[in-house]
């Protein structure tokens, strides 16, 4: 594992409950609705890549989608299994997916690739493209901005994590380079969406397809 990613993973292991408490109410209903409407088969299966404590995995399952959640954090996976014992959670790296090609109708990846440098984002997107079926749907999200940094963002963690910020144009380019088509990138202000107590920052939510 890359050094910077190891430190970020250690930060999540250090305070998993803080992250869960801060984000459990940030339900991405609009994004989930759009993503599931894009699936070539409405029941999936879908890969929740970077599932944390299983919030979105369960929301996808509630929509009638067959879903597998993966994460690198043992603490998150333990909590996900505790909260959602009937769902399938596995320890896995988004840059090295242990699935055959064309395994999924969709890949949902919320607030995960923002912890990777661009060369590793490209690897992950290539893996997503590989495991998607023709016509499969992709959702990914990033924080809007420029550059990268490693710092303690006290909203959801007590230790330093690595963040790579993106622009809409760069996200378009990353998706195109990985072979995805018809990308749509939208900007969502977190505080406007979820209210006071949340951060005044902009998320870039991106949708695309694998060619049929």
Protein backbone atom coordinates (compact mmCIF):
# COMPACT_ATOMS: atom_id res chain seq x y z
CA UNK A 1 0.00 0.00 0.00
CA UNK A 2 1.23 3.51 -0.79
CA UNK A 3 2.60 5.43 2.21
CA UNK A 4 0.17 8.33 1.92
CA UNK A 5 -2.77 5.93 1.66
CA UNK A 6 -1.55 3.94 4.65
CA UNK A 7 -1.61 7.09 6.75
CA UNK A 8 -5.12 7.94 5.57
CA UNK A 9 -6.33 4.43 6.36
CA UNK A 10 -4.75 4.70 9.82
CA UNK A 11 -6.64 7.97 10.35
CA UNK A 12 -9.95 6.26 9.60
CA UNK A 13 -9.05 3.35 11.87
CA UNK A 14 -8.22 5.87 14.61
CA UNK A 15 -11.70 7.43 14.72
CA UNK A 16 -14.27 5.39 12.77
CA UNK A 17 -17.14 6.40 15.06
CA UNK A 18 -16.44 10.10 14.51
CA UNK A 19 -16.64 9.59 10.76
CA UNK A 20 -19.85 7.59 11.07
CA UNK A 21 -21.46 10.17 13.36
CA UNK A 22 -20.50 13.06 11.05
CA UNK A 23 -21.70 11.44 7.83
CA UNK A 24 -24.53 9.03 8.64
CA UNK A 25 -27.14 11.72 7.94
CA UNK A 26 -25.59 12.85 4.65
CA UNK A 27 -27.92 10.71 2.57
CA UNK A 28 -27.22 11.11 -1.18
CA UNK A 29 -30.76 10.31 -2.27
CA UNK A 30 -30.67 12.42 -5.44
CA UNK A 31 -27.41 10.89 -6.54
CA UNK A 32 -28.59 7.36 -5.77
CA UNK A 33 -31.80 7.94 -7.71
CA UNK A 34 -29.91 9.18 -10.76
CA UNK A 35 -27.33 6.40 -10.56
CA UNK A 36 -29.85 3.57 -10.21
CA UNK A 37 -31.86 4.99 -13.13
CA UNK A 38 -28.72 4.61 -15.26
CA UNK A 39 -28.20 0.91 -14.52
CA UNK A 40 -28.62 -1.36 -17.56
CA UNK A 41 -30.29 -3.89 -15.23
CA UNK A 42 -32.33 -2.28 -12.48
CA UNK A 43 -31.40 -4.91 -9.88
CA UNK A 44 -27.65 -4.64 -10.51
CA UNK A 45 -25.41 -6.06 -9.29
CA UNK A 46 -23.58 -2.96 -8.06
CA UNK A 47 -20.19 -2.54 -6.42
CA UNK A 48 -20.08 0.01 -3.57
CA UNK A 49 -16.38 0.86 -3.77
CA UNK A 50 -15.23 2.44 -0.51
CA UNK A 51 -18.35 1.54 1.45
CA UNK A 52 -17.15 2.67 4.92
CA UNK A 53 -19.79 1.63 7.47
CA UNK A 54 -22.23 0.53 4.77
CA UNK A 55 -24.60 3.49 4.64
CA UNK A 56 -24.88 3.64 0.85
CA UNK A 57 -24.61 -0.14 0.49
CA UNK A 58 -27.80 -0.46 2.55
CA UNK A 59 -29.51 2.36 0.67
CA UNK A 60 -28.80 0.60 -2.62
CA UNK A 61 -30.11 -2.67 -1.20
CA UNK A 62 -33.25 -0.86 -0.03
CA UNK A 63 -33.80 0.14 -3.66
CA UNK A 64 -33.85 -3.52 -4.66
CA UNK A 65 -30.30 -3.58 -5.97
CA UNK A 66 -27.96 -6.52 -5.38
CA UNK A 67 -24.82 -4.93 -3.97
CA UNK A 68 -21.36 -5.79 -2.64
CA UNK A 69 -19.54 -3.30 -0.42
CA UNK A 70 -15.75 -3.12 -0.29
CA UNK A 71 -13.36 -1.12 1.87
CA UNK A 72 -9.78 -1.31 3.19
CA UNK A 73 -10.69 -0.40 6.77
CA UNK A 74 -11.24 -3.38 9.05
CA UNK A 75 -13.02 -1.14 11.55
CA UNK A 76 -15.47 0.11 8.92
CA UNK A 77 -16.10 -3.39 7.61
CA UNK A 78 -16.74 -4.71 11.11
CA UNK A 79 -19.24 -1.91 11.72
CA UNK A 80 -20.90 -2.42 8.32
CA UNK A 81 -21.41 -6.11 9.08
CA UNK A 82 -22.79 -5.25 12.51
CA UNK A 83 -25.28 -2.72 11.09
CA UNK A 84 -26.22 -4.74 7.99
CA UNK A 85 -25.58 -8.42 8.69
CA UNK A 86 -27.42 -9.63 5.59
CA UNK A 87 -25.27 -7.67 3.15
CA UNK A 88 -21.98 -8.71 1.55
CA UNK A 89 -18.91 -6.74 2.67
CA UNK A 90 -15.32 -7.55 1.66
CA UNK A 91 -11.87 -6.10 2.31
CA UNK A 92 -10.49 -4.93 -1.00
CA UNK A 93 -8.45 -2.19 -2.66
CA UNK A 94 -10.20 -0.13 -5.36
CA UNK A 95 -6.93 -0.24 -7.32
CA UNK A 96 -6.85 -4.06 -7.36
CA UNK A 97 -10.38 -5.43 -7.56
CA UNK A 98 -10.68 -9.17 -7.01
CA UNK A 99 -13.59 -9.62 -9.43
CA UNK A 100 -13.73 -10.94 -12.99
CA UNK A 101 -14.31 -8.52 -15.82
CA UNK A 102 -17.90 -7.53 -16.57
CA UNK A 103 -19.09 -8.51 -13.08
CA UNK A 104 -21.24 -5.45 -12.32
CA UNK A 105 -23.99 -3.35 -13.85
CA UNK A 106 -22.80 -0.35 -11.84
CA UNK A 107 -20.01 0.98 -9.65
CA UNK A 108 -20.87 3.48 -6.91
CA UNK A 109 -17.82 5.23 -5.42
CA UNK A 110 -18.69 7.99 -2.95
CA UNK A 111 -15.91 10.14 -1.40
CA UNK A 112 -13.20 7.53 -1.90
CA UNK A 113 -11.06 8.47 -4.89
CA UNK A 114 -10.44 11.88 -3.33
CA UNK A 115 -7.88 10.12 -1.12
CA UNK A 116 -5.80 9.03 -4.14
CA UNK A 117 -3.27 10.85 -6.28
CA UNK A 118 -4.20 11.15 -9.94
CA UNK A 119 -2.06 8.24 -11.13
CA UNK A 120 -3.80 5.97 -8.60
CA UNK A 121 -7.22 7.45 -9.47
CA UNK A 122 -6.52 6.37 -13.03
CA UNK A 123 -5.75 2.84 -11.87
CA UNK A 124 -8.98 2.68 -9.87
CA UNK A 125 -11.07 4.02 -12.75
CA UNK A 126 -9.46 1.48 -15.06
CA UNK A 127 -10.44 -1.26 -12.61
CA UNK A 128 -14.01 0.08 -12.44
CA UNK A 129 -14.17 0.06 -16.24
CA UNK A 130 -12.86 -3.53 -16.33
CA UNK A 131 -15.44 -4.93 -13.91
CA UNK A 132 -18.39 -3.10 -15.46
CA UNK A 133 -20.61 -4.77 -18.00
CA UNK A 134 -21.14 -3.04 -21.37
CA UNK A 135 -23.50 -0.14 -20.78
CA UNK A 136 -22.73 -0.18 -17.05
CA UNK A 137 -23.08 2.94 -14.91
CA UNK A 138 -20.46 4.73 -12.82
CA UNK A 139 -20.80 7.27 -10.01
CA UNK A 140 -17.77 8.92 -8.40
CA UNK A 141 -17.39 12.01 -6.23
CA UNK A 142 -14.56 14.38 -5.36
CA UNK A 143 -14.01 17.61 -3.45
CA UNK A 144 -13.69 20.60 -5.76
CA UNK A 145 -10.43 22.52 -5.71
CA UNK A 146 -6.81 22.52 -6.80
CA UNK A 147 -3.79 20.61 -5.57
CA UNK A 148 -3.41 18.13 -2.74
CA UNK A 149 -2.75 18.17 1.00
CA UNK A 150 -2.52 15.95 4.05
CA UNK A 151 -4.18 17.45 7.12
CA UNK A 152 -6.58 16.89 10.00
CA UNK A 153 -10.10 17.71 8.86
CA UNK A 154 -11.77 17.73 12.25
CA UNK A 155 -15.31 17.44 10.85
CA UNK A 156 -14.95 13.68 10.46
CA UNK A 157 -11.52 12.56 11.72
CA UNK A 158 -8.97 13.17 14.46
CA UNK A 159 -5.87 12.34 12.42
CA UNK A 160 -4.40 13.56 9.15
CA UNK A 161 -5.72 12.24 5.84
CA UNK A 162 -4.59 12.82 2.26
CA UNK A 163 -6.91 14.74 -0.10
CA UNK A 164 -6.56 15.32 -3.83
CA UNK A 165 -8.85 18.09 -5.07
CA UNK A 166 -10.31 18.11 -8.57
CA UNK A 167 -11.92 20.45 -11.06
CA UNK A 168 -14.85 19.52 -13.27
CA UNK A 169 -12.62 19.63 -16.36
CA UNK A 170 -10.06 17.33 -14.75
CA UNK A 171 -12.77 14.85 -13.71
CA UNK A 172 -14.06 14.82 -17.30
CA UNK A 173 -10.53 14.07 -18.47
CA UNK A 174 -9.94 11.29 -15.96
CA UNK A 175 -13.18 9.58 -16.93
CA UNK A 176 -12.50 9.91 -20.65
CA UNK A 177 -8.96 8.56 -20.25
CA UNK A 178 -10.40 5.48 -18.50
CA UNK A 179 -12.77 4.83 -21.41
CA UNK A 180 -16.00 6.16 -19.92
CA UNK A 181 -18.52 7.99 -22.10
CA UNK A 182 -21.30 10.54 -21.66
CA UNK A 183 -19.85 11.98 -18.44
CA UNK A 184 -21.91 14.46 -16.45
CA UNK A 185 -20.26 16.38 -13.59
CA UNK A 186 -22.36 18.37 -11.13
CA UNK A 187 -21.36 20.68 -8.28
CA UNK A 188 -23.12 20.28 -4.91
CA UNK A 189 -22.51 22.55 -1.93
CA UNK A 190 -22.51 20.43 1.22
CA UNK A 191 -23.95 23.07 3.57
CA UNK A 192 -26.71 24.01 1.13
CA UNK A 193 -27.65 20.36 0.76
CA UNK A 194 -27.41 19.21 4.38
CA UNK A 195 -27.78 22.39 6.45
CA UNK A 196 -25.94 24.14 9.28
CA UNK A 197 -23.25 22.14 10.98
CA UNK A 198 -21.93 20.96 7.65
CA UNK A 199 -19.00 22.30 5.68
CA UNK A 200 -19.13 25.12 3.15
CA UNK A 201 -17.42 23.08 0.47
CA UNK A 202 -18.32 21.91 -3.00
CA UNK A 203 -18.53 18.28 -4.02
CA UNK A 204 -18.19 17.24 -7.65
CA UNK A 205 -20.54 14.34 -8.40
CA UNK A 206 -19.82 12.56 -11.65
CA UNK A 207 -21.82 10.05 -13.68
CA UNK A 208 -20.70 8.11 -16.76
CA UNK A 209 -21.21 4.89 -18.71
CA UNK A 210 -19.10 2.13 -20.12
CA UNK A 211 -19.80 1.82 -23.82
CA UNK A 212 -22.39 -0.78 -24.80
